[in-house]
């Protein structure tokens, strides 16, 4: 079911923006809790939820659950997600995306994917820069502090276009994708929230289109477990995202 989540725009921006700095905030150890998937999501609008045992249990489930893939509506991208059956597709008000997912109606985690364009996506860092430029006007609307953790990089390949009749198969192009893990904090009059987040940009289609993906995990009162979930995405999700076609998908939602 595809829903519309009216409170997600700030979360998505925090998930994906990789500019700024702050001092490190204090952490507290996670309390023991049994892993548990969130209740069935009806896909309707929601503002998110509080912390407590239910949030910690959902994060623990994201730490230990098997990973399997979910696709966007156009079947252009396959995203490996822990406990995939409990992620629901959502749309973001005023922010067009290729696909968005939330983990439970209480937004225990958010994953989003966007498309940006550059002159040449084979230039190292071009896709990253295109997203940072796109995100700047959004992030300026919020009082956000970001602290960067050490970046992560991995080798990744987009599918090659089919060869012309009689031609040799094209050489598979290997790209180096950088992931930017951050601690994000808002301190506005309306909200004081912290997230463990990360984003990555891939040279996905042709020579001009980039795929940008990001995850945001609300810390609430369990920042250590939220960081552990984010770090699982660094290791088991971002490097294994699949683009399933060589042409850029046309629709945004």
C-alpha atoms as a PDB file:
ATOM      1  CA  UNK A   1       0.000   0.000   0.000  1.00  0.00           C
ATOM      2  CA  UNK A   2       1.285   3.465  -0.843  1.00  0.00           C
ATOM      3  CA  UNK A   3       0.580   6.166   1.723  1.00  0.00           C
ATOM      4  CA  UNK A   4       1.350   9.825   2.164  1.00  0.00           C
ATOM      5  CA  UNK A   5       3.268  10.814   5.275  1.00  0.00           C
ATOM      6  CA  UNK A   6       2.889  14.513   6.001  1.00  0.00           C
ATOM      7  CA  UNK A   7       5.575  14.679   8.686  1.00  0.00           C
ATOM      8  CA  UNK A   8       8.448  13.178   6.726  1.00  0.00           C
ATOM      9  CA  UNK A   9       9.981  16.012   4.753  1.00  0.00           C
ATOM     10  CA  UNK A  10      12.300  17.077   7.573  1.00  0.00           C
ATOM     11  CA  UNK A  11      13.278  13.441   8.239  1.00  0.00           C
ATOM     12  CA  UNK A  12      14.116  12.836   4.586  1.00  0.00           C
ATOM     13  CA  UNK A  13      16.253  15.954   4.348  1.00  0.00           C
ATOM     14  CA  UNK A  14      18.105  14.958   7.509  1.00  0.00           C
ATOM     15  CA  UNK A  15      18.622  11.498   6.065  1.00  0.00           C
ATOM     16  CA  UNK A  16      20.277  12.773   2.947  1.00  0.00           C
ATOM     17  CA  UNK A  17      22.040  16.078   3.519  1.00  0.00           C
ATOM     18  CA  UNK A  18      25.788  15.743   4.004  1.00  0.00           C
ATOM     19  CA  UNK A  19      26.976  19.255   4.865  1.00  0.00           C
ATOM     20  CA  UNK A  20      27.487  21.017   8.161  1.00  0.00           C
ATOM     21  CA  UNK A  21      29.060  20.261  11.516  1.00  0.00           C
ATOM     22  CA  UNK A  22      28.391  20.103  15.233  1.00  0.00           C
ATOM     23  CA  UNK A  23      29.943  18.914  18.430  1.00  0.00           C
ATOM     24  CA  UNK A  24      29.381  15.332  19.482  1.00  0.00           C
ATOM     25  CA  UNK A  25      26.372  14.721  21.710  1.00  0.00           C
ATOM     26  CA  UNK A  26      26.304  12.399  24.677  1.00  0.00           C
ATOM     27  CA  UNK A  27      25.152   8.825  24.285  1.00  0.00           C
ATOM     28  CA  UNK A  28      23.522   6.367  26.582  1.00  0.00           C
ATOM     29  CA  UNK A  29      23.726   2.558  26.499  1.00  0.00           C
ATOM     30  CA  UNK A  30      20.831   0.628  25.011  1.00  0.00           C
ATOM     31  CA  UNK A  31      18.628  -1.258  27.417  1.00  0.00           C
ATOM     32  CA  UNK A  32      17.999  -4.983  26.797  1.00  0.00           C
ATOM     33  CA  UNK A  33      14.897  -5.532  24.696  1.00  0.00           C
ATOM     34  CA  UNK A  34      13.468  -8.333  22.551  1.00  0.00           C
ATOM     35  CA  UNK A  35      13.371  -7.708  18.804  1.00  0.00           C
ATOM     36  CA  UNK A  36       9.862  -7.113  17.446  1.00  0.00           C
ATOM     37  CA  UNK A  37       8.489  -5.902  14.120  1.00  0.00           C
ATOM     38  CA  UNK A  38       6.139  -2.896  14.299  1.00  0.00           C
ATOM     39  CA  UNK A  39       2.375  -3.411  13.995  1.00  0.00           C
ATOM     40  CA  UNK A  40       0.894  -3.727  10.510  1.00  0.00           C
ATOM     41  CA  UNK A  41       1.032  -0.372   8.744  1.00  0.00           C
ATOM     42  CA  UNK A  42      -2.167   0.874   7.082  1.00  0.00           C
ATOM     43  CA  UNK A  43      -0.207   3.298   4.887  1.00  0.00           C
ATOM     44  CA  UNK A  44      -2.166   6.375   6.004  1.00  0.00           C
ATOM     45  CA  UNK A  45      -0.628   9.690   6.970  1.00  0.00           C
ATOM     46  CA  UNK A  46       1.250   9.730  10.250  1.00  0.00           C
ATOM     47  CA  UNK A  47       3.483  12.106  12.162  1.00  0.00           C
ATOM     48  CA  UNK A  48       5.728   9.481  13.714  1.00  0.00           C
ATOM     49  CA  UNK A  49       5.900   8.207  17.274  1.00  0.00           C
ATOM     50  CA  UNK A  50       7.605   8.416  20.625  1.00  0.00           C
ATOM     51  CA  UNK A  51      10.483   6.355  21.939  1.00  0.00           C
ATOM     52  CA  UNK A  52      10.216   3.738  24.630  1.00  0.00           C
ATOM     53  CA  UNK A  53      10.229  -0.034  24.436  1.00  0.00           C
ATOM     54  CA  UNK A  54       8.311  -0.272  21.150  1.00  0.00           C
ATOM     55  CA  UNK A  55      10.851   1.903  19.323  1.00  0.00           C
ATOM     56  CA  UNK A  56      13.802   0.035  20.820  1.00  0.00           C
ATOM     57  CA  UNK A  57      12.213  -3.320  19.924  1.00  0.00           C
ATOM     58  CA  UNK A  58      11.686  -2.187  16.314  1.00  0.00           C
ATOM     59  CA  UNK A  59      15.294  -1.016  16.062  1.00  0.00           C
ATOM     60  CA  UNK A  60      16.497  -4.308  17.506  1.00  0.00           C
ATOM     61  CA  UNK A  61      14.472  -6.096  14.814  1.00  0.00           C
ATOM     62  CA  UNK A  62      16.189  -3.991  12.152  1.00  0.00           C
ATOM     63  CA  UNK A  63      19.538  -5.039  13.626  1.00  0.00           C
ATOM     64  CA  UNK A  64      18.898  -8.791  13.481  1.00  0.00           C
ATOM     65  CA  UNK A  65      16.172  -9.496  10.881  1.00  0.00           C
ATOM     66  CA  UNK A  66      17.074 -11.149   7.553  1.00  0.00           C
ATOM     67  CA  UNK A  67      17.559  -8.807   4.590  1.00  0.00           C
ATOM     68  CA  UNK A  68      15.476  -9.094   1.428  1.00  0.00           C
ATOM     69  CA  UNK A  69      14.711  -6.711  -1.422  1.00  0.00           C
ATOM     70  CA  UNK A  70      11.814  -4.357  -2.105  1.00  0.00           C
ATOM     71  CA  UNK A  71      11.318  -2.579  -5.420  1.00  0.00           C
ATOM     72  CA  UNK A  72       9.969   0.831  -6.341  1.00  0.00           C
ATOM     73  CA  UNK A  73       6.698   1.039  -8.297  1.00  0.00           C
ATOM     74  CA  UNK A  74       8.529   1.227 -11.645  1.00  0.00           C
ATOM     75  CA  UNK A  75      10.799  -1.714 -10.768  1.00  0.00           C
ATOM     76  CA  UNK A  76      13.827   0.440 -11.541  1.00  0.00           C
ATOM     77  CA  UNK A  77      15.615  -0.094  -8.227  1.00  0.00           C
ATOM     78  CA  UNK A  78      15.764  -2.964  -5.747  1.00  0.00           C
ATOM     79  CA  UNK A  79      16.594  -2.045  -2.161  1.00  0.00           C
ATOM     80  CA  UNK A  80      17.726  -4.741   0.313  1.00  0.00           C
ATOM     81  CA  UNK A  81      15.984  -3.987   3.625  1.00  0.00           C
ATOM     82  CA  UNK A  82      16.044  -5.765   6.992  1.00  0.00           C
ATOM     83  CA  UNK A  83      12.580  -7.166   7.794  1.00  0.00           C
ATOM     84  CA  UNK A  84      11.512  -6.005   4.329  1.00  0.00           C
ATOM     85  CA  UNK A  85       7.854  -7.049   4.618  1.00  0.00           C
ATOM     86  CA  UNK A  86       7.267  -4.478   7.351  1.00  0.00           C
ATOM     87  CA  UNK A  87       8.441  -1.482   5.299  1.00  0.00           C
ATOM     88  CA  UNK A  88       5.624   0.463   3.593  1.00  0.00           C
ATOM     89  CA  UNK A  89       5.933   2.698   0.529  1.00  0.00           C
ATOM     90  CA  UNK A  90       5.142   6.339   1.289  1.00  0.00           C
ATOM     91  CA  UNK A  91       5.165   9.680  -0.487  1.00  0.00           C
ATOM     92  CA  UNK A  92       6.662  12.873   0.882  1.00  0.00           C
ATOM     93  CA  UNK A  93       4.590  16.045   0.780  1.00  0.00           C
ATOM     94  CA  UNK A  94       6.161  18.732  -1.483  1.00  0.00           C
ATOM     95  CA  UNK A  95       9.198  16.503  -2.098  1.00  0.00           C
ATOM     96  CA  UNK A  96       9.174  14.281  -5.188  1.00  0.00           C
ATOM     97  CA  UNK A  97      11.025  10.976  -4.857  1.00  0.00           C
ATOM     98  CA  UNK A  98      11.657   7.841  -6.861  1.00  0.00           C
ATOM     99  CA  UNK A  99      10.568   5.794  -3.863  1.00  0.00           C
ATOM    100  CA  UNK A 100      10.166   6.179  -0.110  1.00  0.00           C
ATOM    101  CA  UNK A 101       9.682   3.596   2.641  1.00  0.00           C
ATOM    102  CA  UNK A 102       8.879   3.876   6.336  1.00  0.00           C
ATOM    103  CA  UNK A 103       9.384   1.180   8.932  1.00  0.00           C
ATOM    104  CA  UNK A 104       6.130   1.142  10.862  1.00  0.00           C
ATOM    105  CA  UNK A 105       3.598   3.915  11.166  1.00  0.00           C
ATOM    106  CA  UNK A 106       5.668   5.344  14.050  1.00  0.00           C
ATOM    107  CA  UNK A 107       8.532   5.958  11.591  1.00  0.00           C
ATOM    108  CA  UNK A 108      11.105   3.818  13.357  1.00  0.00           C
ATOM    109  CA  UNK A 109      13.220   4.354  10.217  1.00  0.00           C
ATOM    110  CA  UNK A 110      12.825   6.078   6.848  1.00  0.00           C
ATOM    111  CA  UNK A 111      14.469   5.174   3.527  1.00  0.00           C
ATOM    112  CA  UNK A 112      14.226   7.335   0.402  1.00  0.00           C
ATOM    113  CA  UNK A 113      15.608   7.447  -3.134  1.00  0.00           C
ATOM    114  CA  UNK A 114      15.822  10.428  -5.480  1.00  0.00           C
ATOM    115  CA  UNK A 115      17.225  11.207  -8.932  1.00  0.00           C
ATOM    116  CA  UNK A 116      19.537  14.123  -9.728  1.00  0.00           C
ATOM    117  CA  UNK A 117      21.273  15.109 -12.969  1.00  0.00           C
ATOM    118  CA  UNK A 118      24.826  16.181 -13.807  1.00  0.00           C
ATOM    119  CA  UNK A 119      26.861  16.913 -16.920  1.00  0.00           C
ATOM    120  CA  UNK A 120      28.909  13.728 -16.509  1.00  0.00           C
ATOM    121  CA  UNK A 121      28.115  11.210 -13.794  1.00  0.00           C
ATOM    122  CA  UNK A 122      31.389   9.360 -14.351  1.00  0.00           C
ATOM    123  CA  UNK A 123      33.287  12.224 -12.699  1.00  0.00           C
ATOM    124  CA  UNK A 124      34.102  11.195  -9.134  1.00  0.00           C
ATOM    125  CA  UNK A 125      32.041  13.247  -6.693  1.00  0.00           C
ATOM    126  CA  UNK A 126      29.738  14.766  -9.318  1.00  0.00           C
ATOM    127  CA  UNK A 127      26.652  12.912  -8.091  1.00  0.00           C
ATOM    128  CA  UNK A 128      27.425  13.803  -4.468  1.00  0.00           C
ATOM    129  CA  UNK A 129      27.774  17.482  -5.361  1.00  0.00           C
ATOM    130  CA  UNK A 130      24.519  17.480  -7.327  1.00  0.00           C
ATOM    131  CA  UNK A 131      22.623  16.251  -4.317  1.00  0.00           C
ATOM    132  CA  UNK A 132      24.243  18.718  -1.942  1.00  0.00           C
ATOM    133  CA  UNK A 133      23.222  21.575  -4.273  1.00  0.00           C
ATOM    134  CA  UNK A 134      19.680  20.194  -4.520  1.00  0.00           C
ATOM    135  CA  UNK A 135      19.369  19.827  -0.748  1.00  0.00           C
ATOM    136  CA  UNK A 136      20.732  23.222   0.296  1.00  0.00           C
ATOM    137  CA  UNK A 137      17.459  25.201   0.009  1.00  0.00           C
ATOM    138  CA  UNK A 138      15.657  22.481   1.944  1.00  0.00           C
ATOM    139  CA  UNK A 139      18.127  22.289   4.795  1.00  0.00           C
ATOM    140  CA  UNK A 140      18.161  26.060   5.140  1.00  0.00           C
ATOM    141  CA  UNK A 141      14.510  25.870   6.153  1.00  0.00           C
ATOM    142  CA  UNK A 142      15.412  23.944   9.332  1.00  0.00           C
ATOM    143  CA  UNK A 143      17.793  24.601  12.202  1.00  0.00           C
ATOM    144  CA  UNK A 144      19.886  21.464  11.747  1.00  0.00           C
ATOM    145  CA  UNK A 145      23.215  20.459  13.232  1.00  0.00           C
ATOM    146  CA  UNK A 146      25.132  17.646  11.536  1.00  0.00           C
ATOM    147  CA  UNK A 147      28.177  15.777  12.775  1.00  0.00           C
ATOM    148  CA  UNK A 148      29.973  13.558  10.265  1.00  0.00           C
ATOM    149  CA  UNK A 149      31.312  10.121  11.018  1.00  0.00           C
ATOM    150  CA  UNK A 150      34.149   8.723   8.858  1.00  0.00           C
ATOM    151  CA  UNK A 151      32.898   8.140   5.287  1.00  0.00           C
ATOM    152  CA  UNK A 152      32.524   4.681   3.809  1.00  0.00           C
ATOM    153  CA  UNK A 153      33.273   3.766   0.176  1.00  0.00           C
ATOM    154  CA  UNK A 154      32.610   0.700  -1.941  1.00  0.00           C
ATOM    155  CA  UNK A 155      32.741  -0.453  -5.563  1.00  0.00           C
ATOM    156  CA  UNK A 156      29.409  -0.533  -7.412  1.00  0.00           C
ATOM    157  CA  UNK A 157      28.188  -1.151 -10.968  1.00  0.00           C
ATOM    158  CA  UNK A 158      25.119  -0.012 -12.864  1.00  0.00           C
ATOM    159  CA  UNK A 159      23.707  -2.341 -15.542  1.00  0.00           C
ATOM    160  CA  UNK A 160      25.225  -1.902 -18.985  1.00  0.00           C
ATOM    161  CA  UNK A 161      23.012  -1.191 -22.009  1.00  0.00           C
ATOM    162  CA  UNK A 162      22.576  -4.146 -24.362  1.00  0.00           C
ATOM    163  CA  UNK A 163      25.218  -4.299 -27.104  1.00  0.00           C
ATOM    164  CA  UNK A 164      24.345  -3.555 -30.703  1.00  0.00           C
ATOM    165  CA  UNK A 165      23.897  -6.613 -32.936  1.00  0.00           C
ATOM    166  CA  UNK A 166      27.279  -8.104 -33.690  1.00  0.00           C
ATOM    167  CA  UNK A 167      29.104  -5.816 -31.259  1.00  0.00           C
ATOM    168  CA  UNK A 168      31.220  -6.934 -28.343  1.00  0.00           C
ATOM    169  CA  UNK A 169      29.544  -6.726 -24.926  1.00  0.00           C
ATOM    170  CA  UNK A 170      30.434  -3.448 -23.225  1.00  0.00           C
ATOM    171  CA  UNK A 171      33.029  -3.492 -20.484  1.00  0.00           C
ATOM    172  CA  UNK A 172      31.344  -3.393 -17.091  1.00  0.00           C
ATOM    173  CA  UNK A 173      31.944   0.016 -15.518  1.00  0.00           C
ATOM    174  CA  UNK A 174      32.985   0.004 -11.861  1.00  0.00           C
ATOM    175  CA  UNK A 175      32.305   3.137  -9.819  1.00  0.00           C
ATOM    176  CA  UNK A 176      33.416   4.098  -6.327  1.00  0.00           C
ATOM    177  CA  UNK A 177      30.433   5.197  -4.258  1.00  0.00           C
ATOM    178  CA  UNK A 178      30.930   7.238  -1.094  1.00  0.00           C
ATOM    179  CA  UNK A 179      28.525   6.993   1.847  1.00  0.00           C
ATOM    180  CA  UNK A 180      28.282   9.868   4.294  1.00  0.00           C
ATOM    181  CA  UNK A 181      27.123   8.793   7.804  1.00  0.00           C
ATOM    182  CA  UNK A 182      25.917  11.651  10.022  1.00  0.00           C
ATOM    183  CA  UNK A 183      24.308  12.458  13.357  1.00  0.00           C
ATOM    184  CA  UNK A 184      21.535  14.976  12.649  1.00  0.00           C
ATOM    185  CA  UNK A 185      19.771  17.161  15.185  1.00  0.00           C
ATOM    186  CA  UNK A 186      16.993  19.726  14.885  1.00  0.00           C
ATOM    187  CA  UNK A 187      16.395  22.379  17.500  1.00  0.00           C
ATOM    188  CA  UNK A 188      13.458  24.389  16.193  1.00  0.00           C
ATOM    189  CA  UNK A 189      10.588  25.823  18.209  1.00  0.00           C
ATOM    190  CA  UNK A 190       8.368  23.052  16.874  1.00  0.00           C
ATOM    191  CA  UNK A 191      10.664  20.048  17.178  1.00  0.00           C
ATOM    192  CA  UNK A 192      13.794  18.821  18.923  1.00  0.00           C
ATOM    193  CA  UNK A 193      14.792  15.560  17.303  1.00  0.00           C
ATOM    194  CA  UNK A 194      17.951  13.563  16.673  1.00  0.00           C
ATOM    195  CA  UNK A 195      18.641  10.998  13.941  1.00  0.00           C
ATOM    196  CA  UNK A 196      21.346   8.620  12.872  1.00  0.00           C
ATOM    197  CA  UNK A 197      21.446   8.986   9.112  1.00  0.00           C
ATOM    198  CA  UNK A 198      23.456   8.278   5.973  1.00  0.00           C
ATOM    199  CA  UNK A 199      23.253   8.955   2.252  1.00  0.00           C
ATOM    200  CA  UNK A 200      24.955   7.794  -0.932  1.00  0.00           C
ATOM    201  CA  UNK A 201      24.928   8.856  -4.593  1.00  0.00           C
ATOM    202  CA  UNK A 202      25.342   6.431  -7.514  1.00  0.00           C
ATOM    203  CA  UNK A 203      26.038   7.116 -11.237  1.00  0.00           C
ATOM    204  CA  UNK A 204      23.036   5.025 -12.160  1.00  0.00           C
ATOM    205  CA  UNK A 205      21.665   5.720 -15.648  1.00  0.00           C
ATOM    206  CA  UNK A 206      23.399   6.798 -18.833  1.00  0.00           C
ATOM    207  CA  UNK A 207      26.017   9.493 -18.355  1.00  0.00           C
ATOM    208  CA  UNK A 208      23.914  12.183 -16.635  1.00  0.00           C
ATOM    209  CA  UNK A 209      21.514  10.653 -14.076  1.00  0.00           C
ATOM    210  CA  UNK A 210      22.381   9.896 -10.451  1.00  0.00           C
ATOM    211  CA  UNK A 211      20.521   7.807  -7.901  1.00  0.00           C
ATOM    212  CA  UNK A 212      20.635   9.265  -4.381  1.00  0.00           C
ATOM    213  CA  UNK A 213      19.543   7.085  -1.464  1.00  0.00           C
ATOM    214  CA  UNK A 214      19.358   7.809   2.239  1.00  0.00           C
ATOM    215  CA  UNK A 215      18.257   6.363   5.545  1.00  0.00           C
ATOM    216  CA  UNK A 216      17.244   8.184   8.744  1.00  0.00           C
ATOM    217  CA  UNK A 217      16.773   6.395  12.066  1.00  0.00           C
ATOM    218  CA  UNK A 218      15.218   8.473  14.875  1.00  0.00           C
ATOM    219  CA  UNK A 219      17.321   8.196  18.013  1.00  0.00           C
ATOM    220  CA  UNK A 220      14.524   9.125  20.422  1.00  0.00           C
ATOM    221  CA  UNK A 221      15.792   7.664  23.713  1.00  0.00           C
ATOM    222  CA  UNK A 222      17.947   4.898  22.176  1.00  0.00           C
ATOM    223  CA  UNK A 223      20.760   6.582  20.194  1.00  0.00           C
ATOM    224  CA  UNK A 224      23.180   3.669  20.414  1.00  0.00           C
ATOM    225  CA  UNK A 225      20.740   1.196  18.877  1.00  0.00           C
ATOM    226  CA  UNK A 226      19.742   3.742  16.214  1.00  0.00           C
ATOM    227  CA  UNK A 227      23.413   4.094  15.259  1.00  0.00           C
ATOM    228  CA  UNK A 228      23.803   0.321  15.073  1.00  0.00           C
ATOM    229  CA  UNK A 229      20.852   0.152  12.669  1.00  0.00           C
ATOM    230  CA  UNK A 230      22.349   2.898  10.531  1.00  0.00           C
ATOM    231  CA  UNK A 231      25.684   1.088  10.469  1.00  0.00           C
ATOM    232  CA  UNK A 232      23.977  -2.078   9.261  1.00  0.00           C
ATOM    233  CA  UNK A 233      22.684  -0.060   6.306  1.00  0.00           C
ATOM    234  CA  UNK A 234      26.246   1.051   5.594  1.00  0.00           C
ATOM    235  CA  UNK A 235      27.397  -2.567   5.402  1.00  0.00           C
ATOM    236  CA  UNK A 236      24.420  -4.518   4.036  1.00  0.00           C
ATOM    237  CA  UNK A 237      22.112  -2.115   2.191  1.00  0.00           C
ATOM    238  CA  UNK A 238      23.933   0.692   0.378  1.00  0.00           C
ATOM    239  CA  UNK A 239      26.577  -1.539  -1.291  1.00  0.00           C
ATOM    240  CA  UNK A 240      23.899  -3.977  -2.515  1.00  0.00           C
ATOM    241  CA  UNK A 241      21.349  -1.585  -4.001  1.00  0.00           C
ATOM    242  CA  UNK A 242      20.509  -2.752  -7.521  1.00  0.00           C
ATOM    243  CA  UNK A 243      19.550  -0.653 -10.515  1.00  0.00           C
ATOM    244  CA  UNK A 244      17.612  -3.050 -12.713  1.00  0.00           C
ATOM    245  CA  UNK A 245      17.566  -1.192 -16.034  1.00  0.00           C
ATOM    246  CA  UNK A 246      19.864   1.036 -18.058  1.00  0.00           C
ATOM    247  CA  UNK A 247      17.222   3.738 -18.683  1.00  0.00           C
ATOM    248  CA  UNK A 248      16.250   6.331 -16.117  1.00  0.00           C
ATOM    249  CA  UNK A 249      12.721   5.769 -14.706  1.00  0.00           C
ATOM    250  CA  UNK A 250      10.333   8.520 -15.785  1.00  0.00           C
ATOM    251  CA  UNK A 251       7.922   8.900 -12.856  1.00  0.00           C
ATOM    252  CA  UNK A 252       8.401  10.684  -9.532  1.00  0.00           C
ATOM    253  CA  UNK A 253       5.981  10.435  -6.622  1.00  0.00           C
END
